[in-house]
């Protein structure tokens, strides 16, 4: 554990009004990473973190389980999901999946044998298909449409974007407009399969849009040829990221409120990126150093600093 991490574990007193916090956001984030990596409840995570600090001989305190839970809503991660994109414009893939929420429906089944209303959240991910890194994430209710989250997802990226690939659920003018507003120049290639009933605009003959060009190519050469020509196959990397999240983190959310669930989802994506370090990431620039930098799995890579 680096001296910088030890110094930042307990925040400095500012002299302002009110009782200062005993633990920094970095300490709370470390608890989130351990909890999701090992799939433990907050009480177990508290004991695990306390045992680790005792084995390392560190003279720092450990937040209790109630502090972890209370500080979860609105927690800002110390390290953004999208690391520095220094290799140039990046191709991104966007997709969505559902995460189950343990609510009244499950309680009624266990208590009275009745089936209640199921509740779930929608997790939107932006993935770099060349590295498998999760660049951005958004967690919303199931009432939110997929296209409405394209702007917030792209807003989390600081580097240039070469192309945006998504499935047919994102087809429509709102998605193309959100991409164009995020990066007007250089223009971003939007690769989304049009609906089977889609037709070009009236102005497609003189000034065809990207969507018009996709429709015309599909009509001329077929959908399979279009997929090979535009590189639509890279969208499978988003499905792989969804599978990794549900297999390693879980298909359900542990938190009960939406703000805390948003923090849990971002921390889960951060755990995935640490399990599969991207090629352009540098351990030296990551504030959360690892106990064993060469390890790939969370049991060997506990982000404590």
C-alpha atoms as a PDB file:
ATOM      1  CA  UNK A   1       0.000   0.000   0.000  1.00  0.00           C
ATOM      2  CA  UNK A   2       1.584   3.239  -1.143  1.00  0.00           C
ATOM      3  CA  UNK A   3       2.187   6.216   1.176  1.00  0.00           C
ATOM      4  CA  UNK A   4      -0.155   8.272  -1.021  1.00  0.00           C
ATOM      5  CA  UNK A   5      -2.948   5.771  -0.421  1.00  0.00           C
ATOM      6  CA  UNK A   6      -2.338   5.776   3.331  1.00  0.00           C
ATOM      7  CA  UNK A   7      -2.454   9.561   3.373  1.00  0.00           C
ATOM      8  CA  UNK A   8      -5.697   9.641   1.377  1.00  0.00           C
ATOM      9  CA  UNK A   9      -7.461   6.890   3.362  1.00  0.00           C
ATOM     10  CA  UNK A  10      -8.594   9.356   6.036  1.00  0.00           C
ATOM     11  CA  UNK A  11      -9.562  12.801   4.646  1.00  0.00           C
ATOM     12  CA  UNK A  12      -7.974  15.887   6.103  1.00  0.00           C
ATOM     13  CA  UNK A  13     -10.049  18.100   8.366  1.00  0.00           C
ATOM     14  CA  UNK A  14     -11.029  21.271   6.549  1.00  0.00           C
ATOM     15  CA  UNK A  15     -12.034  23.247   9.602  1.00  0.00           C
ATOM     16  CA  UNK A  16     -15.537  23.758   8.242  1.00  0.00           C
ATOM     17  CA  UNK A  17     -18.767  23.369  10.137  1.00  0.00           C
ATOM     18  CA  UNK A  18     -20.004  19.905  10.973  1.00  0.00           C
ATOM     19  CA  UNK A  19     -18.326  16.662  11.844  1.00  0.00           C
ATOM     20  CA  UNK A  20     -15.706  15.626   9.244  1.00  0.00           C
ATOM     21  CA  UNK A  21     -15.833  12.229   7.622  1.00  0.00           C
ATOM     22  CA  UNK A  22     -13.611   9.515   9.000  1.00  0.00           C
ATOM     23  CA  UNK A  23     -13.015   7.793   5.644  1.00  0.00           C
ATOM     24  CA  UNK A  24     -12.457   9.103   2.131  1.00  0.00           C
ATOM     25  CA  UNK A  25     -14.415   8.084  -0.955  1.00  0.00           C
ATOM     26  CA  UNK A  26     -11.438   5.954  -1.970  1.00  0.00           C
ATOM     27  CA  UNK A  27     -11.855   3.817   1.159  1.00  0.00           C
ATOM     28  CA  UNK A  28     -15.553   3.352   0.414  1.00  0.00           C
ATOM     29  CA  UNK A  29     -14.785   2.474  -3.201  1.00  0.00           C
ATOM     30  CA  UNK A  30     -12.258  -0.140  -2.077  1.00  0.00           C
ATOM     31  CA  UNK A  31     -15.013  -1.803  -0.067  1.00  0.00           C
ATOM     32  CA  UNK A  32     -17.264  -1.816  -3.132  1.00  0.00           C
ATOM     33  CA  UNK A  33     -14.592  -3.464  -5.266  1.00  0.00           C
ATOM     34  CA  UNK A  34     -13.949  -6.192  -2.708  1.00  0.00           C
ATOM     35  CA  UNK A  35     -17.640  -6.795  -2.154  1.00  0.00           C
ATOM     36  CA  UNK A  36     -18.428  -7.249  -5.831  1.00  0.00           C
ATOM     37  CA  UNK A  37     -15.257  -9.184  -6.671  1.00  0.00           C
ATOM     38  CA  UNK A  38     -15.904 -11.788  -3.963  1.00  0.00           C
ATOM     39  CA  UNK A  39     -19.717 -11.621  -3.936  1.00  0.00           C
ATOM     40  CA  UNK A  40     -19.952 -10.990  -0.200  1.00  0.00           C
ATOM     41  CA  UNK A  41     -22.427  -8.908   1.859  1.00  0.00           C
ATOM     42  CA  UNK A  42     -21.263  -5.750   3.588  1.00  0.00           C
ATOM     43  CA  UNK A  43     -20.586  -7.419   6.961  1.00  0.00           C
ATOM     44  CA  UNK A  44     -18.293  -9.997   5.319  1.00  0.00           C
ATOM     45  CA  UNK A  45     -16.583  -7.272   3.283  1.00  0.00           C
ATOM     46  CA  UNK A  46     -15.870  -5.310   6.452  1.00  0.00           C
ATOM     47  CA  UNK A  47     -14.262  -8.343   8.052  1.00  0.00           C
ATOM     48  CA  UNK A  48     -12.271  -9.162   4.905  1.00  0.00           C
ATOM     49  CA  UNK A  49     -10.878  -5.646   4.626  1.00  0.00           C
ATOM     50  CA  UNK A  50     -10.037  -5.588   8.332  1.00  0.00           C
ATOM     51  CA  UNK A  51      -8.171  -8.896   8.040  1.00  0.00           C
ATOM     52  CA  UNK A  52      -6.191  -7.630   5.052  1.00  0.00           C
ATOM     53  CA  UNK A  53      -5.131  -4.436   6.820  1.00  0.00           C
ATOM     54  CA  UNK A  54      -4.103  -6.465   9.889  1.00  0.00           C
ATOM     55  CA  UNK A  55      -2.021  -8.872   7.795  1.00  0.00           C
ATOM     56  CA  UNK A  56      -0.288  -5.951   6.100  1.00  0.00           C
ATOM     57  CA  UNK A  57       0.320  -4.257   9.430  1.00  0.00           C
ATOM     58  CA  UNK A  58      -1.374  -1.041   8.378  1.00  0.00           C
ATOM     59  CA  UNK A  59      -2.467   1.435  10.996  1.00  0.00           C
ATOM     60  CA  UNK A  60      -5.660   2.517   9.244  1.00  0.00           C
ATOM     61  CA  UNK A  61      -9.226   2.072  10.308  1.00  0.00           C
ATOM     62  CA  UNK A  62     -11.843   0.161   8.361  1.00  0.00           C
ATOM     63  CA  UNK A  63     -15.366   1.504   7.714  1.00  0.00           C
ATOM     64  CA  UNK A  64     -18.138  -0.560   9.241  1.00  0.00           C
ATOM     65  CA  UNK A  65     -20.860  -2.100   7.106  1.00  0.00           C
ATOM     66  CA  UNK A  66     -23.368   0.656   7.849  1.00  0.00           C
ATOM     67  CA  UNK A  67     -20.897   3.314   6.671  1.00  0.00           C
ATOM     68  CA  UNK A  68     -20.354   1.444   3.403  1.00  0.00           C
ATOM     69  CA  UNK A  69     -24.097   1.251   2.823  1.00  0.00           C
ATOM     70  CA  UNK A  70     -24.794   4.868   3.802  1.00  0.00           C
ATOM     71  CA  UNK A  71     -22.027   6.314   1.633  1.00  0.00           C
ATOM     72  CA  UNK A  72     -22.900   4.276  -1.471  1.00  0.00           C
ATOM     73  CA  UNK A  73     -25.480   6.616  -3.089  1.00  0.00           C
ATOM     74  CA  UNK A  74     -23.750   9.243  -5.184  1.00  0.00           C
ATOM     75  CA  UNK A  75     -20.242   7.854  -4.658  1.00  0.00           C
ATOM     76  CA  UNK A  76     -17.816   9.085  -7.330  1.00  0.00           C
ATOM     77  CA  UNK A  77     -15.209   6.514  -8.327  1.00  0.00           C
ATOM     78  CA  UNK A  78     -11.599   7.609  -7.965  1.00  0.00           C
ATOM     79  CA  UNK A  79     -10.763   6.231 -11.417  1.00  0.00           C
ATOM     80  CA  UNK A  80     -13.053   6.787 -14.391  1.00  0.00           C
ATOM     81  CA  UNK A  81     -13.999   3.723 -16.414  1.00  0.00           C
ATOM     82  CA  UNK A  82     -12.660   5.261 -19.626  1.00  0.00           C
ATOM     83  CA  UNK A  83      -8.908   5.539 -19.252  1.00  0.00           C
ATOM     84  CA  UNK A  84      -6.823   7.847 -21.444  1.00  0.00           C
ATOM     85  CA  UNK A  85      -7.440   7.044 -25.104  1.00  0.00           C
ATOM     86  CA  UNK A  86      -3.946   7.881 -26.354  1.00  0.00           C
ATOM     87  CA  UNK A  87      -3.922   5.463 -29.278  1.00  0.00           C
ATOM     88  CA  UNK A  88      -6.255   7.586 -31.391  1.00  0.00           C
ATOM     89  CA  UNK A  89      -9.970   7.392 -32.198  1.00  0.00           C
ATOM     90  CA  UNK A  90     -11.639   4.362 -30.668  1.00  0.00           C
ATOM     91  CA  UNK A  91     -14.433   2.153 -31.981  1.00  0.00           C
ATOM     92  CA  UNK A  92     -17.175   1.733 -29.381  1.00  0.00           C
ATOM     93  CA  UNK A  93     -20.040  -0.730 -29.080  1.00  0.00           C
ATOM     94  CA  UNK A  94     -23.194   0.049 -27.085  1.00  0.00           C
ATOM     95  CA  UNK A  95     -25.633  -2.510 -25.729  1.00  0.00           C
ATOM     96  CA  UNK A  96     -28.079  -2.969 -22.861  1.00  0.00           C
ATOM     97  CA  UNK A  97     -29.101  -5.772 -20.532  1.00  0.00           C
ATOM     98  CA  UNK A  98     -31.405  -6.240 -17.569  1.00  0.00           C
ATOM     99  CA  UNK A  99     -30.392  -6.698 -13.935  1.00  0.00           C
ATOM    100  CA  UNK A 100     -32.829  -8.157 -11.462  1.00  0.00           C
ATOM    101  CA  UNK A 101     -33.811  -6.289  -8.306  1.00  0.00           C
ATOM    102  CA  UNK A 102     -34.888  -8.214  -5.237  1.00  0.00           C
ATOM    103  CA  UNK A 103     -38.209  -6.584  -4.405  1.00  0.00           C
ATOM    104  CA  UNK A 104     -41.730  -7.236  -3.245  1.00  0.00           C
ATOM    105  CA  UNK A 105     -42.300  -9.903  -5.886  1.00  0.00           C
ATOM    106  CA  UNK A 106     -39.721 -12.290  -4.443  1.00  0.00           C
ATOM    107  CA  UNK A 107     -40.824 -11.545  -0.872  1.00  0.00           C
ATOM    108  CA  UNK A 108     -44.429 -12.479  -1.665  1.00  0.00           C
ATOM    109  CA  UNK A 109     -43.303 -15.734  -3.259  1.00  0.00           C
ATOM    110  CA  UNK A 110     -41.217 -16.725  -0.235  1.00  0.00           C
ATOM    111  CA  UNK A 111     -43.750 -15.615   2.376  1.00  0.00           C
ATOM    112  CA  UNK A 112     -47.142 -16.359   0.879  1.00  0.00           C
ATOM    113  CA  UNK A 113     -46.448 -18.304  -2.286  1.00  0.00           C
ATOM    114  CA  UNK A 114     -47.905 -15.528  -4.429  1.00  0.00           C
ATOM    115  CA  UNK A 115     -46.307 -14.047  -7.481  1.00  0.00           C
ATOM    116  CA  UNK A 116     -45.858 -10.294  -7.362  1.00  0.00           C
ATOM    117  CA  UNK A 117     -44.606  -7.684  -9.789  1.00  0.00           C
ATOM    118  CA  UNK A 118     -40.986  -8.183 -10.849  1.00  0.00           C
ATOM    119  CA  UNK A 119     -38.662  -5.199 -10.835  1.00  0.00           C
ATOM    120  CA  UNK A 120     -35.487  -4.852 -12.860  1.00  0.00           C
ATOM    121  CA  UNK A 121     -33.010  -2.237 -13.958  1.00  0.00           C
ATOM    122  CA  UNK A 122     -31.502  -1.617 -17.383  1.00  0.00           C
ATOM    123  CA  UNK A 123     -27.688  -1.531 -17.594  1.00  0.00           C
ATOM    124  CA  UNK A 124     -26.230   0.246 -20.635  1.00  0.00           C
ATOM    125  CA  UNK A 125     -22.565  -0.398 -21.445  1.00  0.00           C
ATOM    126  CA  UNK A 126     -20.118   1.181 -23.866  1.00  0.00           C
ATOM    127  CA  UNK A 127     -17.329  -1.291 -24.729  1.00  0.00           C
ATOM    128  CA  UNK A 128     -14.059  -1.019 -26.632  1.00  0.00           C
ATOM    129  CA  UNK A 129     -14.209  -4.113 -28.892  1.00  0.00           C
ATOM    130  CA  UNK A 130     -10.428  -4.252 -29.352  1.00  0.00           C
ATOM    131  CA  UNK A 131      -9.667  -4.624 -25.629  1.00  0.00           C
ATOM    132  CA  UNK A 132     -12.943  -5.612 -23.978  1.00  0.00           C
ATOM    133  CA  UNK A 133     -12.704  -2.608 -21.653  1.00  0.00           C
ATOM    134  CA  UNK A 134     -15.935  -1.078 -20.387  1.00  0.00           C
ATOM    135  CA  UNK A 135     -15.616   2.608 -21.235  1.00  0.00           C
ATOM    136  CA  UNK A 136     -18.896   3.907 -19.821  1.00  0.00           C
ATOM    137  CA  UNK A 137     -22.012   2.653 -18.054  1.00  0.00           C
ATOM    138  CA  UNK A 138     -25.475   3.922 -17.215  1.00  0.00           C
ATOM    139  CA  UNK A 139     -28.074   2.264 -14.989  1.00  0.00           C
ATOM    140  CA  UNK A 140     -31.691   3.302 -15.464  1.00  0.00           C
ATOM    141  CA  UNK A 141     -35.164   2.039 -14.738  1.00  0.00           C
ATOM    142  CA  UNK A 142     -36.817  -0.270 -17.231  1.00  0.00           C
ATOM    143  CA  UNK A 143     -38.986   2.632 -18.440  1.00  0.00           C
ATOM    144  CA  UNK A 144     -36.057   4.415 -20.110  1.00  0.00           C
ATOM    145  CA  UNK A 145     -35.514   3.796 -23.809  1.00  0.00           C
ATOM    146  CA  UNK A 146     -32.186   2.581 -25.149  1.00  0.00           C
ATOM    147  CA  UNK A 147     -31.644   5.504 -27.507  1.00  0.00           C
ATOM    148  CA  UNK A 148     -32.127   8.063 -24.721  1.00  0.00           C
ATOM    149  CA  UNK A 149     -28.906   6.913 -23.017  1.00  0.00           C
ATOM    150  CA  UNK A 150     -26.583   7.220 -26.018  1.00  0.00           C
ATOM    151  CA  UNK A 151     -25.777  10.855 -25.209  1.00  0.00           C
ATOM    152  CA  UNK A 152     -24.988  10.250 -21.503  1.00  0.00           C
ATOM    153  CA  UNK A 153     -22.833   7.239 -22.400  1.00  0.00           C
ATOM    154  CA  UNK A 154     -20.794   9.093 -25.005  1.00  0.00           C
ATOM    155  CA  UNK A 155     -20.502  12.064 -22.646  1.00  0.00           C
ATOM    156  CA  UNK A 156     -18.333   9.930 -20.353  1.00  0.00           C
ATOM    157  CA  UNK A 157     -15.703   9.495 -23.088  1.00  0.00           C
ATOM    158  CA  UNK A 158     -12.962  12.085 -23.355  1.00  0.00           C
ATOM    159  CA  UNK A 159     -11.186  10.895 -26.507  1.00  0.00           C
ATOM    160  CA  UNK A 160     -12.156  10.866 -30.158  1.00  0.00           C
ATOM    161  CA  UNK A 161     -14.592   8.245 -31.434  1.00  0.00           C
ATOM    162  CA  UNK A 162     -14.181   6.514 -34.795  1.00  0.00           C
ATOM    163  CA  UNK A 163     -17.472   4.611 -34.894  1.00  0.00           C
ATOM    164  CA  UNK A 164     -20.485   3.689 -32.773  1.00  0.00           C
ATOM    165  CA  UNK A 165     -22.004   0.223 -33.240  1.00  0.00           C
ATOM    166  CA  UNK A 166     -25.289  -0.924 -31.712  1.00  0.00           C
ATOM    167  CA  UNK A 167     -28.141  -3.312 -32.413  1.00  0.00           C
ATOM    168  CA  UNK A 168     -31.497  -2.530 -34.008  1.00  0.00           C
ATOM    169  CA  UNK A 169     -33.005  -1.306 -30.728  1.00  0.00           C
ATOM    170  CA  UNK A 170     -31.003   1.918 -31.173  1.00  0.00           C
ATOM    171  CA  UNK A 171     -32.132   2.513 -34.755  1.00  0.00           C
ATOM    172  CA  UNK A 172     -33.667   5.948 -35.241  1.00  0.00           C
ATOM    173  CA  UNK A 173     -32.974   9.631 -35.595  1.00  0.00           C
ATOM    174  CA  UNK A 174     -32.384  10.244 -31.818  1.00  0.00           C
ATOM    175  CA  UNK A 175     -29.315   7.987 -31.832  1.00  0.00           C
ATOM    176  CA  UNK A 176     -27.767   9.571 -34.939  1.00  0.00           C
ATOM    177  CA  UNK A 177     -28.467  13.039 -33.544  1.00  0.00           C
ATOM    178  CA  UNK A 178     -26.907  12.221 -30.155  1.00  0.00           C
ATOM    179  CA  UNK A 179     -23.737  10.931 -31.821  1.00  0.00           C
ATOM    180  CA  UNK A 180     -23.479  13.983 -34.098  1.00  0.00           C
ATOM    181  CA  UNK A 181     -23.969  16.375 -31.172  1.00  0.00           C
ATOM    182  CA  UNK A 182     -21.286  14.645 -29.128  1.00  0.00           C
ATOM    183  CA  UNK A 183     -18.642  14.817 -31.868  1.00  0.00           C
ATOM    184  CA  UNK A 184     -19.515  16.986 -34.884  1.00  0.00           C
ATOM    185  CA  UNK A 185     -16.002  16.847 -36.343  1.00  0.00           C
ATOM    186  CA  UNK A 186     -14.555  14.511 -37.369  1.00  0.00           C
ATOM    187  CA  UNK A 187     -17.864  12.775 -38.101  1.00  0.00           C
ATOM    188  CA  UNK A 188     -18.503   9.452 -36.386  1.00  0.00           C
ATOM    189  CA  UNK A 189     -19.567   6.386 -38.351  1.00  0.00           C
ATOM    190  CA  UNK A 190     -22.819   5.033 -36.894  1.00  0.00           C
ATOM    191  CA  UNK A 191     -23.318   1.317 -37.583  1.00  0.00           C
ATOM    192  CA  UNK A 192     -26.852   0.287 -36.663  1.00  0.00           C
ATOM    193  CA  UNK A 193     -28.974  -2.164 -38.703  1.00  0.00           C
ATOM    194  CA  UNK A 194     -32.158  -0.467 -39.952  1.00  0.00           C
ATOM    195  CA  UNK A 195     -35.493  -2.123 -39.427  1.00  0.00           C
ATOM    196  CA  UNK A 196     -36.655  -4.556 -42.101  1.00  0.00           C
ATOM    197  CA  UNK A 197     -39.414  -2.123 -43.101  1.00  0.00           C
ATOM    198  CA  UNK A 198     -37.142   0.954 -43.221  1.00  0.00           C
ATOM    199  CA  UNK A 199     -37.071   3.039 -46.384  1.00  0.00           C
ATOM    200  CA  UNK A 200     -34.714   5.871 -47.420  1.00  0.00           C
ATOM    201  CA  UNK A 201     -35.772   9.489 -47.016  1.00  0.00           C
ATOM    202  CA  UNK A 202     -37.049  11.530 -49.917  1.00  0.00           C
ATOM    203  CA  UNK A 203     -33.748  13.429 -50.010  1.00  0.00           C
ATOM    204  CA  UNK A 204     -31.662  10.224 -50.050  1.00  0.00           C
ATOM    205  CA  UNK A 205     -31.048  10.555 -53.771  1.00  0.00           C
ATOM    206  CA  UNK A 206     -29.166  13.853 -53.395  1.00  0.00           C
ATOM    207  CA  UNK A 207     -27.999  14.070 -49.774  1.00  0.00           C
ATOM    208  CA  UNK A 208     -28.159  10.575 -48.254  1.00  0.00           C
ATOM    209  CA  UNK A 209     -27.661  10.269 -44.515  1.00  0.00           C
ATOM    210  CA  UNK A 210     -25.736   7.417 -42.910  1.00  0.00           C
ATOM    211  CA  UNK A 211     -28.983   5.579 -42.267  1.00  0.00           C
ATOM    212  CA  UNK A 212     -30.036   6.046 -45.889  1.00  0.00           C
ATOM    213  CA  UNK A 213     -26.726   4.598 -47.045  1.00  0.00           C
ATOM    214  CA  UNK A 214     -27.224   1.546 -44.808  1.00  0.00           C
ATOM    215  CA  UNK A 215     -30.720   1.004 -46.190  1.00  0.00           C
ATOM    216  CA  UNK A 216     -29.550   1.357 -49.793  1.00  0.00           C
ATOM    217  CA  UNK A 217     -26.657  -1.085 -49.290  1.00  0.00           C
ATOM    218  CA  UNK A 218     -28.935  -3.655 -47.651  1.00  0.00           C
ATOM    219  CA  UNK A 219     -31.437  -3.353 -50.505  1.00  0.00           C
ATOM    220  CA  UNK A 220     -28.675  -3.723 -53.094  1.00  0.00           C
ATOM    221  CA  UNK A 221     -26.435  -6.407 -51.558  1.00  0.00           C
ATOM    222  CA  UNK A 222     -28.376  -7.995 -48.702  1.00  0.00           C
ATOM    223  CA  UNK A 223     -28.082  -7.774 -44.934  1.00  0.00           C
ATOM    224  CA  UNK A 224     -25.270 -10.317 -44.538  1.00  0.00           C
ATOM    225  CA  UNK A 225     -23.085  -8.517 -47.042  1.00  0.00           C
ATOM    226  CA  UNK A 226     -23.821  -5.236 -45.274  1.00  0.00           C
ATOM    227  CA  UNK A 227     -22.731  -6.704 -41.942  1.00  0.00           C
ATOM    228  CA  UNK A 228     -19.395  -7.833 -43.370  1.00  0.00           C
ATOM    229  CA  UNK A 229     -18.797  -4.557 -45.202  1.00  0.00           C
ATOM    230  CA  UNK A 230     -19.399  -2.228 -42.220  1.00  0.00           C
ATOM    231  CA  UNK A 231     -17.865  -4.523 -39.573  1.00  0.00           C
ATOM    232  CA  UNK A 232     -21.062  -5.134 -37.662  1.00  0.00           C
ATOM    233  CA  UNK A 233     -19.577  -8.301 -36.170  1.00  0.00           C
ATOM    234  CA  UNK A 234     -17.685  -6.301 -33.540  1.00  0.00           C
ATOM    235  CA  UNK A 235     -21.011  -5.813 -31.740  1.00  0.00           C
ATOM    236  CA  UNK A 236     -20.575  -9.312 -30.291  1.00  0.00           C
ATOM    237  CA  UNK A 237     -17.947  -7.875 -27.940  1.00  0.00           C
ATOM    238  CA  UNK A 238     -20.695  -5.977 -26.112  1.00  0.00           C
ATOM    239  CA  UNK A 239     -22.599  -9.218 -25.579  1.00  0.00           C
ATOM    240  CA  UNK A 240     -19.394 -10.769 -24.258  1.00  0.00           C
ATOM    241  CA  UNK A 241     -19.054  -7.905 -21.765  1.00  0.00           C
ATOM    242  CA  UNK A 242     -22.659  -8.455 -20.640  1.00  0.00           C
ATOM    243  CA  UNK A 243     -21.958 -12.155 -20.131  1.00  0.00           C
ATOM    244  CA  UNK A 244     -18.804 -11.403 -18.129  1.00  0.00           C
ATOM    245  CA  UNK A 245     -20.687  -8.971 -15.906  1.00  0.00           C
ATOM    246  CA  UNK A 246     -23.481 -11.424 -15.109  1.00  0.00           C
ATOM    247  CA  UNK A 247     -21.134 -14.393 -14.701  1.00  0.00           C
ATOM    248  CA  UNK A 248     -18.583 -12.648 -12.462  1.00  0.00           C
ATOM    249  CA  UNK A 249     -20.537  -9.873 -10.728  1.00  0.00           C
ATOM    250  CA  UNK A 250     -24.041 -11.302 -10.851  1.00  0.00           C
ATOM    251  CA  UNK A 251     -27.324 -10.953 -12.697  1.00  0.00           C
ATOM    252  CA  UNK A 252     -29.023  -9.098  -9.829  1.00  0.00           C
ATOM    253  CA  UNK A 253     -28.374  -5.924  -7.877  1.00  0.00           C
ATOM    254  CA  UNK A 254     -27.699  -6.026  -4.151  1.00  0.00           C
ATOM    255  CA  UNK A 255     -28.498  -2.387  -3.375  1.00  0.00           C
ATOM    256  CA  UNK A 256     -32.083  -1.355  -2.711  1.00  0.00           C
ATOM    257  CA  UNK A 257     -32.237   2.256  -3.937  1.00  0.00           C
ATOM    258  CA  UNK A 258     -31.553   3.490  -7.464  1.00  0.00           C
ATOM    259  CA  UNK A 259     -28.662   5.872  -6.506  1.00  0.00           C
ATOM    260  CA  UNK A 260     -26.905   3.055  -4.649  1.00  0.00           C
ATOM    261  CA  UNK A 261     -27.581   0.685  -7.543  1.00  0.00           C
ATOM    262  CA  UNK A 262     -25.942   3.134  -9.951  1.00  0.00           C
ATOM    263  CA  UNK A 263     -22.804   3.130  -7.787  1.00  0.00           C
ATOM    264  CA  UNK A 264     -22.862  -0.654  -7.583  1.00  0.00           C
ATOM    265  CA  UNK A 265     -23.080  -1.001 -11.365  1.00  0.00           C
ATOM    266  CA  UNK A 266     -20.159   1.381 -11.994  1.00  0.00           C
ATOM    267  CA  UNK A 267     -18.066  -0.399  -9.369  1.00  0.00           C
ATOM    268  CA  UNK A 268     -18.897  -3.720 -11.003  1.00  0.00           C
ATOM    269  CA  UNK A 269     -17.670  -2.431 -14.368  1.00  0.00           C
ATOM    270  CA  UNK A 270     -14.506  -1.206 -12.662  1.00  0.00           C
ATOM    271  CA  UNK A 271     -13.940  -4.705 -11.288  1.00  0.00           C
ATOM    272  CA  UNK A 272     -14.310  -6.168 -14.792  1.00  0.00           C
ATOM    273  CA  UNK A 273     -11.720  -3.749 -16.161  1.00  0.00           C
ATOM    274  CA  UNK A 274      -9.288  -4.745 -13.410  1.00  0.00           C
ATOM    275  CA  UNK A 275      -9.794  -8.425 -14.198  1.00  0.00           C
ATOM    276  CA  UNK A 276      -9.043  -7.746 -17.860  1.00  0.00           C
ATOM    277  CA  UNK A 277      -6.548  -4.839 -17.951  1.00  0.00           C
ATOM    278  CA  UNK A 278      -6.709  -2.976 -21.275  1.00  0.00           C
ATOM    279  CA  UNK A 279      -3.556  -2.820 -23.336  1.00  0.00           C
ATOM    280  CA  UNK A 280      -3.217   0.962 -23.020  1.00  0.00           C
ATOM    281  CA  UNK A 281      -3.760   1.111 -19.253  1.00  0.00           C
ATOM    282  CA  UNK A 282      -0.817   1.876 -17.003  1.00  0.00           C
ATOM    283  CA  UNK A 283      -0.646   0.661 -13.427  1.00  0.00           C
ATOM    284  CA  UNK A 284       1.582   3.588 -12.536  1.00  0.00           C
ATOM    285  CA  UNK A 285      -1.161   6.085 -13.408  1.00  0.00           C
ATOM    286  CA  UNK A 286      -3.953   4.229 -11.583  1.00  0.00           C
ATOM    287  CA  UNK A 287      -4.662   5.671  -8.103  1.00  0.00           C
ATOM    288  CA  UNK A 288      -5.872   2.259  -6.997  1.00  0.00           C
ATOM    289  CA  UNK A 289      -2.630   0.272  -6.964  1.00  0.00           C
ATOM    290  CA  UNK A 290      -2.844  -3.485  -6.633  1.00  0.00           C
ATOM    291  CA  UNK A 291      -1.245  -5.853  -4.170  1.00  0.00           C
ATOM    292  CA  UNK A 292      -0.054  -8.001  -7.076  1.00  0.00           C
ATOM    293  CA  UNK A 293       0.024  -5.921 -10.273  1.00  0.00           C
ATOM    294  CA  UNK A 294       0.596  -8.935 -12.517  1.00  0.00           C
ATOM    295  CA  UNK A 295      -2.513 -10.797 -11.408  1.00  0.00           C
ATOM    296  CA  UNK A 296      -5.719 -10.848 -13.439  1.00  0.00           C
ATOM    297  CA  UNK A 297      -8.274 -12.120 -10.947  1.00  0.00           C
ATOM    298  CA  UNK A 298      -9.732 -10.184  -8.024  1.00  0.00           C
ATOM    299  CA  UNK A 299      -8.610 -12.771  -5.473  1.00  0.00           C
ATOM    300  CA  UNK A 300      -5.040 -11.820  -6.374  1.00  0.00           C
ATOM    301  CA  UNK A 301      -5.709  -8.181  -7.247  1.00  0.00           C
ATOM    302  CA  UNK A 302      -7.172  -6.365  -4.276  1.00  0.00           C
ATOM    303  CA  UNK A 303      -7.363  -2.657  -5.020  1.00  0.00           C
ATOM    304  CA  UNK A 304      -6.530  -1.202  -1.622  1.00  0.00           C
ATOM    305  CA  UNK A 305      -4.670   1.948  -2.489  1.00  0.00           C
END
